[in-house]
C-alpha atoms as a PDB file:
ATOM      1  CA  MET A   1      21.644 -12.398  24.074  1.00  0.00           C
ATOM      2  CA  PRO A   2      22.295  -8.755  23.044  1.00  0.00           C
ATOM      3  CA  GLY A   3      24.423  -9.503  20.011  1.00  0.00           C
ATOM      4  CA  ILE A   4      24.756  -7.649  16.722  1.00  0.00           C
ATOM      5  CA  GLY A   5      22.030  -5.823  14.808  1.00  0.00           C
ATOM      6  CA  VAL A   6      22.378  -5.173  11.084  1.00  0.00           C
ATOM      7  CA  VAL A   7      20.310  -2.570   9.241  1.00  0.00           C
ATOM      8  CA  VAL A   8      20.303  -2.938   5.448  1.00  0.00           C
ATOM      9  CA  ASN A   9      19.305   0.041   3.303  1.00  0.00           C
ATOM     10  CA  PRO A  10      17.662  -1.494   0.208  1.00  0.00           C
ATOM     11  CA  HIS A  11      18.034   1.787  -1.712  1.00  0.00           C
ATOM     12  CA  ALA A  12      21.848   1.836  -1.503  1.00  0.00           C
ATOM     13  CA  ARG A  13      23.575   1.332  -4.852  1.00  0.00           C
ATOM     14  CA  GLY A  14      25.593  -1.590  -3.503  1.00  0.00           C
ATOM     15  CA  ASN A  15      22.407  -3.436  -2.543  1.00  0.00           C
ATOM     16  CA  ILE A  16      21.226  -3.688  -6.127  1.00  0.00           C
ATOM     17  CA  ASP A  17      18.842  -6.564  -5.429  1.00  0.00           C
ATOM     18  CA  GLY A  18      16.811  -4.414  -3.070  1.00  0.00           C
ATOM     19  CA  GLY A  19      18.731  -5.752  -0.095  1.00  0.00           C
ATOM     20  CA  ALA A  20      17.026  -9.150   0.111  1.00  0.00           C
ATOM     21  CA  GLU A  21      19.920 -11.311  -1.078  1.00  0.00           C
ATOM     22  CA  ARG A  22      22.489  -9.281   0.842  1.00  0.00           C
ATOM     23  CA  ALA A  23      20.368  -9.492   3.989  1.00  0.00           C
ATOM     24  CA  GLU A  24      20.259 -13.260   3.600  1.00  0.00           C
ATOM     25  CA  ARG A  25      24.049 -13.465   3.257  1.00  0.00           C
ATOM     26  CA  LEU A  26      24.604 -11.152   6.221  1.00  0.00           C
ATOM     27  CA  GLY A  27      22.147 -13.216   8.240  1.00  0.00           C
ATOM     28  CA  GLU A  28      24.240 -16.330   7.545  1.00  0.00           C
ATOM     29  CA  VAL A  29      27.339 -14.466   8.758  1.00  0.00           C
ATOM     30  CA  VAL A  30      25.689 -13.276  11.981  1.00  0.00           C
ATOM     31  CA  GLY A  31      24.036 -16.595  12.755  1.00  0.00           C
ATOM     32  CA  HIS A  32      22.678 -16.821  16.291  1.00  0.00           C
ATOM     33  CA  ASP A  33      24.667 -13.771  17.429  1.00  0.00           C
ATOM     34  CA  GLY A  34      22.306 -11.164  16.033  1.00  0.00           C
ATOM     35  CA  VAL A  35      19.600 -10.203  13.578  1.00  0.00           C
ATOM     36  CA  VAL A  36      19.422  -8.529  10.159  1.00  0.00           C
ATOM     37  CA  ARG A  37      16.656  -6.128   9.198  1.00  0.00           C
ATOM     38  CA  VAL A  38      15.885  -4.479   5.832  1.00  0.00           C
ATOM     39  CA  THR A  39      14.323  -1.034   6.317  1.00  0.00           C
ATOM     40  CA  GLN A  40      12.287   0.695   3.615  1.00  0.00           C
ATOM     41  CA  SER A  41      11.389   3.882   5.498  1.00  0.00           C
ATOM     42  CA  VAL A  42      12.203   6.037   8.511  1.00  0.00           C
ATOM     43  CA  ARG A  43       9.216   4.552  10.334  1.00  0.00           C
ATOM     44  CA  GLU A  44      10.607   1.048   9.811  1.00  0.00           C
ATOM     45  CA  ILE A  45      14.005   2.224  11.061  1.00  0.00           C
ATOM     46  CA  GLN A  46      12.375   3.438  14.285  1.00  0.00           C
ATOM     47  CA  ASP A  47      10.597   0.087  14.676  1.00  0.00           C
ATOM     48  CA  VAL A  48      13.936  -1.682  14.299  1.00  0.00           C
ATOM     49  CA  ALA A  49      15.518   0.735  16.774  1.00  0.00           C
ATOM     50  CA  ARG A  50      12.878  -0.195  19.365  1.00  0.00           C
ATOM     51  CA  GLU A  51      13.569  -3.873  18.770  1.00  0.00           C
ATOM     52  CA  PHE A  52      17.350  -3.408  19.056  1.00  0.00           C
ATOM     53  CA  ARG A  53      16.973  -1.291  22.175  1.00  0.00           C
ATOM     54  CA  GLN A  54      14.802  -3.941  23.803  1.00  0.00           C
ATOM     55  CA  ARG A  55      17.322  -6.632  22.871  1.00  0.00           C
ATOM     56  CA  GLY A  56      20.205  -4.553  24.253  1.00  0.00           C
ATOM     57  CA  THR A  57      22.025  -4.730  20.920  1.00  0.00           C
ATOM     58  CA  GLU A  58      25.735  -3.987  21.377  1.00  0.00           C
ATOM     59  CA  ILE A  59      26.794  -3.435  17.755  1.00  0.00           C
ATOM     60  CA  LEU A  60      24.760  -1.630  15.081  1.00  0.00           C
ATOM     61  CA  ALA A  61      26.034  -2.463  11.593  1.00  0.00           C
ATOM     62  CA  ILE A  62      24.774  -0.133   8.861  1.00  0.00           C
ATOM     63  CA  CYS A  63      24.872  -1.604   5.357  1.00  0.00           C
ATOM     64  CA  GLY A  64      24.440   1.207   2.869  1.00  0.00           C
ATOM     65  CA  GLY A  65      25.899   4.427   1.522  1.00  0.00           C
ATOM     66  CA  ASP A  66      26.591   7.693   3.293  1.00  0.00           C
ATOM     67  CA  GLY A  67      22.924   8.674   3.376  1.00  0.00           C
ATOM     68  CA  SER A  68      22.168   5.468   5.268  1.00  0.00           C
ATOM     69  CA  TYR A  69      23.934   6.903   8.314  1.00  0.00           C
ATOM     70  CA  HIS A  70      21.758   9.987   8.262  1.00  0.00           C
ATOM     71  CA  CYS A  71      18.536   7.970   8.037  1.00  0.00           C
ATOM     72  CA  THR A  72      19.520   5.216  10.460  1.00  0.00           C
ATOM     73  CA  LEU A  73      21.025   7.446  13.126  1.00  0.00           C
ATOM     74  CA  SER A  74      18.102   9.880  12.956  1.00  0.00           C
ATOM     75  CA  GLY A  75      15.701   6.989  13.522  1.00  0.00           C
ATOM     76  CA  PHE A  76      17.753   5.445  16.321  1.00  0.00           C
ATOM     77  CA  ARG A  77      18.259   8.766  18.106  1.00  0.00           C
ATOM     78  CA  ALA A  78      14.497   9.332  18.012  1.00  0.00           C
ATOM     79  CA  VAL A  79      14.072   6.059  19.910  1.00  0.00           C
ATOM     80  CA  TYR A  80      17.170   5.991  22.122  1.00  0.00           C
ATOM     81  CA  GLY A  81      17.002   9.671  23.067  1.00  0.00           C
ATOM     82  CA  ASP A  82      19.968  10.559  25.249  1.00  0.00           C
ATOM     83  CA  GLU A  83      20.893   6.910  25.855  1.00  0.00           C
ATOM     84  CA  PRO A  84      24.215   5.865  24.252  1.00  0.00           C
ATOM     85  CA  LEU A  85      23.856   4.258  20.845  1.00  0.00           C
ATOM     86  CA  PRO A  86      25.409   0.838  20.147  1.00  0.00           C
ATOM     87  CA  LEU A  87      28.872   0.634  18.610  1.00  0.00           C
ATOM     88  CA  LEU A  88      28.566   1.525  14.912  1.00  0.00           C
ATOM     89  CA  LEU A  89      29.982  -0.689  12.179  1.00  0.00           C
ATOM     90  CA  PRO A  90      30.020   0.794   8.646  1.00  0.00           C
ATOM     91  CA  LEU A  91      29.405  -1.797   5.923  1.00  0.00           C
ATOM     92  CA  ARG A  92      30.265  -0.232   2.582  1.00  0.00           C
ATOM     93  CA  ALA A  93      27.366  -0.531   0.141  1.00  0.00           C
ATOM     94  CA  GLY A  94      27.269   2.969  -1.337  1.00  0.00           C
ATOM     95  CA  THR A  95      28.970   4.600  -4.287  1.00  0.00           C
ATOM     96  CA  ILE A  96      31.295   6.910  -2.327  1.00  0.00           C
ATOM     97  CA  ASN A  97      31.347   5.759   1.345  1.00  0.00           C
ATOM     98  CA  TYR A  98      33.142   8.833   2.683  1.00  0.00           C
ATOM     99  CA  VAL A  99      31.846   8.318   6.245  1.00  0.00           C
ATOM    100  CA  ALA A 100      33.570   4.927   6.342  1.00  0.00           C
ATOM    101  CA  ASP A 101      36.715   6.514   4.885  1.00  0.00           C
ATOM    102  CA  ALA A 102      36.644   9.381   7.383  1.00  0.00           C
ATOM    103  CA  THR A 103      36.404   6.988  10.326  1.00  0.00           C
ATOM    104  CA  GLY A 104      39.167   4.690   9.093  1.00  0.00           C
ATOM    105  CA  GLY A 105      36.871   1.782   8.270  1.00  0.00           C
ATOM    106  CA  ARG A 106      38.458  -1.138   6.467  1.00  0.00           C
ATOM    107  CA  ARG A 107      37.692  -1.616   2.820  1.00  0.00           C
ATOM    108  CA  GLY A 108      35.985  -4.704   1.557  1.00  0.00           C
ATOM    109  CA  ARG A 109      32.608  -6.261   0.940  1.00  0.00           C
ATOM    110  CA  PRO A 110      30.024  -5.972   3.720  1.00  0.00           C
ATOM    111  CA  GLU A 111      30.002  -9.729   4.263  1.00  0.00           C
ATOM    112  CA  GLY A 112      33.760  -9.832   4.880  1.00  0.00           C
ATOM    113  CA  MET A 113      33.718  -6.821   7.173  1.00  0.00           C
ATOM    114  CA  LEU A 114      30.873  -8.238   9.234  1.00  0.00           C
ATOM    115  CA  ALA A 115      32.511 -11.684   9.412  1.00  0.00           C
ATOM    116  CA  ARG A 116      35.656 -10.220  11.005  1.00  0.00           C
ATOM    117  CA  VAL A 117      33.646  -8.365  13.650  1.00  0.00           C
ATOM    118  CA  VAL A 118      31.440 -11.393  14.368  1.00  0.00           C
ATOM    119  CA  ARG A 119      34.580 -13.498  14.840  1.00  0.00           C
ATOM    120  CA  ASP A 120      35.963 -10.967  17.324  1.00  0.00           C
ATOM    121  CA  TYR A 121      32.596 -10.798  19.075  1.00  0.00           C
ATOM    122  CA  ARG A 122      32.439 -14.562  19.519  1.00  0.00           C
ATOM    123  CA  THR A 123      36.000 -14.829  20.843  1.00  0.00           C
ATOM    124  CA  GLY A 124      35.707 -11.807  23.127  1.00  0.00           C
ATOM    125  CA  HIS A 125      38.434  -9.836  21.367  1.00  0.00           C
ATOM    126  CA  ASN A 126      38.554  -6.058  21.590  1.00  0.00           C
ATOM    127  CA  TYR A 127      37.702  -3.915  18.577  1.00  0.00           C
ATOM    128  CA  GLU A 128      39.743  -1.110  17.095  1.00  0.00           C
ATOM    129  CA  THR A 129      37.460   1.887  17.523  1.00  0.00           C
ATOM    130  CA  THR A 130      37.314   5.621  16.918  1.00  0.00           C
ATOM    131  CA  GLU A 131      34.865   8.297  18.074  1.00  0.00           C
ATOM    132  CA  ARG A 132      33.087  11.085  16.209  1.00  0.00           C
ATOM    133  CA  ASP A 133      30.588  13.740  17.193  1.00  0.00           C
ATOM    134  CA  LEU A 134      27.137  13.582  15.631  1.00  0.00           C
ATOM    135  CA  LEU A 135      25.447  16.661  14.172  1.00  0.00           C
ATOM    136  CA  ARG A 136      21.790  17.363  14.880  1.00  0.00           C
ATOM    137  CA  VAL A 137      19.684  19.547  12.566  1.00  0.00           C
ATOM    138  CA  ASN A 138      16.506  21.190  13.888  1.00  0.00           C
ATOM    139  CA  GLY A 139      16.461  18.668  16.710  1.00  0.00           C
ATOM    140  CA  VAL A 140      15.498  15.807  14.387  1.00  0.00           C
ATOM    141  CA  GLU A 141      17.910  14.967  11.559  1.00  0.00           C
ATOM    142  CA  HIS A 142      21.366  13.559  12.401  1.00  0.00           C
ATOM    143  CA  GLY A 143      24.540  13.134  10.408  1.00  0.00           C
ATOM    144  CA  PHE A 144      28.180  14.090  10.030  1.00  0.00           C
ATOM    145  CA  VAL A 145      28.392  16.491   7.066  1.00  0.00           C
ATOM    146  CA  LEU A 146      25.970  19.329   6.289  1.00  0.00           C
ATOM    147  CA  SER A 147      26.071  21.622   3.282  1.00  0.00           C
ATOM    148  CA  PHE A 148      23.857  23.617   0.940  1.00  0.00           C
ATOM    149  CA  GLY A 149      24.063  25.448  -2.371  1.00  0.00           C
ATOM    150  CA  THR A 150      26.969  24.184  -4.471  1.00  0.00           C
ATOM    151  CA  ALA A 151      27.077  20.760  -2.788  1.00  0.00           C
ATOM    152  CA  VAL A 152      23.359  20.226  -3.414  1.00  0.00           C
ATOM    153  CA  ASN A 153      23.694  21.318  -7.047  1.00  0.00           C
ATOM    154  CA  TYR A 154      26.657  18.988  -7.552  1.00  0.00           C
ATOM    155  CA  LEU A 155      24.791  16.047  -6.008  1.00  0.00           C
ATOM    156  CA  ARG A 156      21.777  16.663  -8.235  1.00  0.00           C
ATOM    157  CA  ALA A 157      24.011  16.462 -11.295  1.00  0.00           C
ATOM    158  CA  TYR A 158      25.744  13.381  -9.887  1.00  0.00           C
ATOM    159  CA  TYR A 159      22.526  11.512  -9.050  1.00  0.00           C
ATOM    160  CA  ALA A 160      21.204  12.274 -12.547  1.00  0.00           C
ATOM    161  CA  MET A 161      24.075  10.310 -14.106  1.00  0.00           C
ATOM    162  CA  ASP A 162      23.325   6.868 -15.535  1.00  0.00           C
ATOM    163  CA  LYS A 163      26.140   5.306 -13.515  1.00  0.00           C
ATOM    164  CA  GLN A 164      27.524   6.465 -10.178  1.00  0.00           C
ATOM    165  CA  GLY A 165      30.711   5.874  -8.245  1.00  0.00           C
ATOM    166  CA  PRO A 166      34.052   7.507  -7.418  1.00  0.00           C
ATOM    167  CA  VAL A 167      35.184   7.539 -11.055  1.00  0.00           C
ATOM    168  CA  GLN A 168      31.964   9.151 -12.258  1.00  0.00           C
ATOM    169  CA  ALA A 169      32.042  11.669  -9.384  1.00  0.00           C
ATOM    170  CA  ALA A 170      35.625  12.624 -10.272  1.00  0.00           C
ATOM    171  CA  ARG A 171      34.748  12.991 -13.958  1.00  0.00           C
ATOM    172  CA  LEU A 172      31.825  15.249 -13.101  1.00  0.00           C
ATOM    173  CA  LEU A 173      34.073  17.398 -10.932  1.00  0.00           C
ATOM    174  CA  ALA A 174      36.642  17.627 -13.733  1.00  0.00           C
ATOM    175  CA  ARG A 175      33.947  18.701 -16.205  1.00  0.00           C
ATOM    176  CA  LEU A 176      32.789  21.417 -13.821  1.00  0.00           C
ATOM    177  CA  ILE A 177      36.352  22.656 -13.366  1.00  0.00           C
ATOM    178  CA  PHE A 178      36.852  22.878 -17.131  1.00  0.00           C
ATOM    179  CA  SER A 179      33.476  24.601 -17.417  1.00  0.00           C
ATOM    180  CA  ALA A 180      34.555  27.176 -14.820  1.00  0.00           C
ATOM    181  CA  LEU A 181      37.796  27.778 -16.711  1.00  0.00           C
ATOM    182  CA  ALA A 182      35.837  28.262 -19.939  1.00  0.00           C
ATOM    183  CA  GLY A 183      33.130  30.342 -18.256  1.00  0.00           C
ATOM    184  CA  THR A 184      30.285  28.134 -19.498  1.00  0.00           C
ATOM    185  CA  HIS A 185      26.811  27.574 -18.101  1.00  0.00           C
ATOM    186  CA  ALA A 186      27.408  24.231 -16.309  1.00  0.00           C
ATOM    187  CA  ALA A 187      29.801  25.685 -13.733  1.00  0.00           C
ATOM    188  CA  ARG A 188      27.741  28.849 -13.253  1.00  0.00           C
ATOM    189  CA  ALA A 189      24.655  26.762 -12.516  1.00  0.00           C
ATOM    190  CA  VAL A 190      26.428  24.609  -9.931  1.00  0.00           C
ATOM    191  CA  PHE A 191      28.515  27.349  -8.264  1.00  0.00           C
ATOM    192  CA  GLN A 192      25.731  29.921  -7.982  1.00  0.00           C
ATOM    193  CA  ALA A 193      25.553  31.655  -4.614  1.00  0.00           C
ATOM    194  CA  THR A 194      22.996  30.984  -1.888  1.00  0.00           C
ATOM    195  CA  THR A 195      21.872  33.918   0.257  1.00  0.00           C
ATOM    196  CA  ALA A 196      21.697  33.350   3.997  1.00  0.00           C
ATOM    197  CA  ASP A 197      22.451  34.831   7.397  1.00  0.00           C
ATOM    198  CA  VAL A 198      24.691  32.448   9.346  1.00  0.00           C
ATOM    199  CA  GLU A 199      25.649  32.581  13.006  1.00  0.00           C
ATOM    200  CA  CYS A 200      28.300  30.421  14.627  1.00  0.00           C
ATOM    201  CA  ASP A 201      28.040  30.272  18.424  1.00  0.00           C
ATOM    202  CA  ASP A 202      25.799  33.359  18.308  1.00  0.00           C
ATOM    203  CA  GLN A 203      28.403  35.364  16.372  1.00  0.00           C
ATOM    204  CA  PRO A 204      27.415  36.445  12.830  1.00  0.00           C
ATOM    205  CA  VAL A 205      29.464  35.076   9.953  1.00  0.00           C
ATOM    206  CA  PRO A 206      30.583  38.160   7.958  1.00  0.00           C
ATOM    207  CA  PHE A 207      29.017  37.047   4.669  1.00  0.00           C
ATOM    208  CA  ARG A 208      25.507  36.794   3.279  1.00  0.00           C
ATOM    209  CA  GLN A 209      26.402  35.054   0.007  1.00  0.00           C
ATOM    210  CA  PHE A 210      27.700  31.478   0.048  1.00  0.00           C
ATOM    211  CA  THR A 211      29.115  29.614  -2.930  1.00  0.00           C
ATOM    212  CA  PHE A 212      30.805  27.179  -0.565  1.00  0.00           C
ATOM    213  CA  PHE A 213      29.657  25.919   2.840  1.00  0.00           C
ATOM    214  CA  PHE A 214      30.293  22.909   5.056  1.00  0.00           C
ATOM    215  CA  ALA A 215      29.664  22.115   8.698  1.00  0.00           C
ATOM    216  CA  ALA A 216      31.066  18.727   9.673  1.00  0.00           C
ATOM    217  CA  THR A 217      32.325  16.496  12.446  1.00  0.00           C
ATOM    218  CA  VAL A 218      34.405  14.337  10.084  1.00  0.00           C
ATOM    219  CA  ASP A 219      37.514  15.611   8.344  1.00  0.00           C
ATOM    220  CA  ARG A 220      36.998  13.922   4.974  1.00  0.00           C
ATOM    221  CA  ILE A 221      34.236  14.202   2.399  1.00  0.00           C
ATOM    222  CA  ALA A 222      33.676  12.731  -1.070  1.00  0.00           C
ATOM    223  CA  LEU A 223      36.684  11.962  -3.295  1.00  0.00           C
ATOM    224  CA  GLY A 224      39.052  12.397  -0.352  1.00  0.00           C
ATOM    225  CA  PHE A 225      38.722  16.190  -0.079  1.00  0.00           C
ATOM    226  CA  ARG A 226      39.304  17.593   3.404  1.00  0.00           C
ATOM    227  CA  PRO A 227      37.807  21.095   3.619  1.00  0.00           C
ATOM    228  CA  THR A 228      36.745  20.415   7.222  1.00  0.00           C
ATOM    229  CA  TYR A 229      40.270  19.540   8.339  1.00  0.00           C
ATOM    230  CA  LEU A 230      39.578  20.684  11.945  1.00  0.00           C
ATOM    231  CA  ALA A 231      36.452  18.557  12.393  1.00  0.00           C
ATOM    232  CA  THR A 232      38.035  16.075  14.814  1.00  0.00           C
ATOM    233  CA  ARG A 233      40.256  18.595  16.578  1.00  0.00           C
ATOM    234  CA  LYS A 234      38.017  19.363  19.575  1.00  0.00           C
ATOM    235  CA  ARG A 235      35.392  17.177  21.212  1.00  0.00           C
ATOM    236  CA  GLY A 236      31.876  18.598  21.048  1.00  0.00           C
ATOM    237  CA  TYR A 237      32.623  20.949  18.141  1.00  0.00           C
ATOM    238  CA  MET A 238      32.000  21.008  14.390  1.00  0.00           C
ATOM    239  CA  HIS A 239      34.196  22.627  11.749  1.00  0.00           C
ATOM    240  CA  VAL A 240      32.366  25.400   9.885  1.00  0.00           C
ATOM    241  CA  VAL A 241      33.803  26.733   6.647  1.00  0.00           C
ATOM    242  CA  GLY A 242      31.999  28.835   4.049  1.00  0.00           C
ATOM    243  CA  GLY A 243      31.709  32.079   2.171  1.00  0.00           C
ATOM    244  CA  PRO A 244      31.314  33.749  -1.233  1.00  0.00           C
ATOM    245  CA  VAL A 245      34.602  32.510  -2.667  1.00  0.00           C
ATOM    246  CA  PRO A 246      34.455  32.614  -6.528  1.00  0.00           C
ATOM    247  CA  ALA A 247      34.729  29.311  -8.377  1.00  0.00           C
ATOM    248  CA  MET A 248      38.092  30.166  -9.947  1.00  0.00           C
ATOM    249  CA  ARG A 249      39.670  31.031  -6.605  1.00  0.00           C
ATOM    250  CA  LEU A 250      38.233  27.857  -5.119  1.00  0.00           C
ATOM    251  CA  ILE A 251      39.758  25.835  -7.969  1.00  0.00           C
ATOM    252  CA  ARG A 252      43.151  27.436  -7.377  1.00  0.00           C
ATOM    253  CA  ARG A 253      42.959  26.235  -3.788  1.00  0.00           C
ATOM    254  CA  ALA A 254      41.788  22.730  -4.694  1.00  0.00           C
ATOM    255  CA  ILE A 255      45.074  21.096  -3.664  1.00  0.00           C
ATOM    256  CA  ARG A 256      44.938  22.678  -0.224  1.00  0.00           C
ATOM    257  CA  LEU A 257      41.302  21.612   0.148  1.00  0.00           C
ATOM    258  CA  TYR A 258      42.204  18.075  -0.873  1.00  0.00           C
ATOM    259  CA  ARG A 259      45.143  17.790   1.527  1.00  0.00           C
ATOM    260  CA  GLY A 260      43.361  19.364   4.470  1.00  0.00           C
ATOM    261  CA  PHE A 261      45.302  22.621   4.752  1.00  0.00           C
ATOM    262  CA  PRO A 262      43.897  26.069   5.558  1.00  0.00           C
ATOM    263  CA  THR A 263      43.070  27.898   2.334  1.00  0.00           C
ATOM    264  CA  ASN A 264      43.992  31.335   3.730  1.00  0.00           C
ATOM    265  CA  GLU A 265      41.140  32.599   1.568  1.00  0.00           C
ATOM    266  CA  PRO A 266      39.773  35.923   2.899  1.00  0.00           C
ATOM    267  CA  THR A 267      36.292  35.184   1.574  1.00  0.00           C
ATOM    268  CA  LEU A 268      35.955  31.971   3.598  1.00  0.00           C
ATOM    269  CA  PHE A 269      34.861  31.848   7.224  1.00  0.00           C
ATOM    270  CA  ASP A 270      36.881  29.033   8.844  1.00  0.00           C
ATOM    271  CA  SER A 271      36.301  28.140  12.505  1.00  0.00           C
ATOM    272  CA  LEU A 272      35.160  25.596  15.083  1.00  0.00           C
ATOM    273  CA  GLY A 273      31.752  25.961  16.705  1.00  0.00           C
ATOM    274  CA  ARG A 274      29.237  24.215  18.921  1.00  0.00           C
ATOM    275  CA  ARG A 275      26.110  25.674  17.304  1.00  0.00           C
ATOM    276  CA  VAL A 276      25.285  27.089  13.889  1.00  0.00           C
ATOM    277  CA  THR A 277      22.112  28.865  12.831  1.00  0.00           C
ATOM    278  CA  ILE A 278      21.395  29.297   9.118  1.00  0.00           C
ATOM    279  CA  ARG A 279      18.548  31.583   8.021  1.00  0.00           C
ATOM    280  CA  PHE A 280      17.965  31.359   4.284  1.00  0.00           C
ATOM    281  CA  PHE A 281      16.413  34.293   2.477  1.00  0.00           C
ATOM    282  CA  ARG A 282      14.076  31.787   0.867  1.00  0.00           C
ATOM    283  CA  PRO A 283      13.550  28.051   1.585  1.00  0.00           C
ATOM    284  CA  GLU A 284      16.524  26.030   0.330  1.00  0.00           C
ATOM    285  CA  HIS A 285      17.356  22.361   0.003  1.00  0.00           C
ATOM    286  CA  TYR A 286      20.277  21.179   2.081  1.00  0.00           C
ATOM    287  CA  MET A 287      22.514  18.125   2.132  1.00  0.00           C
ATOM    288  CA  LEU A 288      23.176  15.810   5.072  1.00  0.00           C
ATOM    289  CA  ASP A 289      25.562  12.910   4.490  1.00  0.00           C
ATOM    290  CA  GLY A 290      24.817  12.841   0.775  1.00  0.00           C
ATOM    291  CA  ASP A 291      21.027  13.005   1.139  1.00  0.00           C
ATOM    292  CA  ILE A 292      19.256  16.048  -0.327  1.00  0.00           C
ATOM    293  CA  LEU A 293      16.563  17.076   2.137  1.00  0.00           C
ATOM    294  CA  PRO A 294      13.426  19.190   1.529  1.00  0.00           C
ATOM    295  CA  PRO A 295      13.711  23.001   1.501  1.00  0.00           C
ATOM    296  CA  LEU A 296      13.619  24.902   4.779  1.00  0.00           C
ATOM    297  CA  ASP A 297      14.107  28.552   5.634  1.00  0.00           C
ATOM    298  CA  ARG A 298      16.074  27.878   8.827  1.00  0.00           C
ATOM    299  CA  LEU A 299      18.567  25.282  10.073  1.00  0.00           C
ATOM    300  CA  ASP A 300      19.618  25.036  13.716  1.00  0.00           C
ATOM    301  CA  VAL A 301      22.668  22.791  13.892  1.00  0.00           C
ATOM    302  CA  ASP A 302      24.380  21.539  17.036  1.00  0.00           C
ATOM    303  CA  VAL A 303      26.446  18.601  18.254  1.00  0.00           C
ATOM    304  CA  ALA A 304      24.002  16.049  19.641  1.00  0.00           C
ATOM    305  CA  CYS A 305      26.233  13.356  21.067  1.00  0.00           C
ATOM    306  CA  ARG A 306      29.352  11.300  20.456  1.00  0.00           C
ATOM    307  CA  VAL A 307      29.273   7.905  18.770  1.00  0.00           C
ATOM    308  CA  THR A 308      31.834   5.131  18.534  1.00  0.00           C
ATOM    309  CA  PHE A 309      32.763   3.410  15.252  1.00  0.00           C
ATOM    310  CA  ILE A 310      34.335  -0.012  14.865  1.00  0.00           C
ATOM    311  CA  ARG A 311      37.012   0.209  12.211  1.00  0.00           C
ATOM    312  CA  GLY A 312      36.690  -3.466  11.370  1.00  0.00           C
END
């Protein structure tokens, strides 16, 4: 029987026991209608993907934080290729969970979310679903939100905190805003510019310095901000926004960024595109769905495919 496949990321903050106890509870919820697998590495994710593909798994539940989507979907795409992926079910086990928020996923513990979907599966009920495009980076990595520079610097500061979560993320952002207002080192270190040549659909972006950059297929990122407000506007496209906007001008437009309005900022490129090429002047780390990935000197980003989420 095809059933439901659950992938548990043991490194997610919500799976504090290493995923073993949560996997056991999720296994009790799924019962005979599926399987639960704990994956420690990308190689293990690909092994699970082969198993799920052979079983004809209909629903892929991902239990972890935002970075779990990047890792799991990259592994599954490597195995499935151009075949459609199973329906995706986000199970919130991270500290921010903005992918689940951006796709309208219900809030609640993973066990409760999975139980509702299993009940619908057993009774043959339809699911409430939504679709999103999936970004592909250099033909290998997959995710929904890509950034570099300021976002990477912010995440480094965030991951260095003793405790993480929405409250801590908001406090860090507030400290950086106050630092920018005071002109102190903390804000300068985070908001420093990254030098790159960027092309969107083979047209050069008219900036070479970037203090702010996002390419995304979801219209909501951490803490509810919506800089990529056009991300779901057109099928097969990503929203690209970035430029050398100074920190103070970015802060003055924070409300518009939060509410998903155009900033009307002349130092921000703001457009839809199918393909983006980023050539860094020196190798730079970049962020994909909250994961900081190793430095590269070039990123080729396109829209790989479209996936379907169950909202729960």
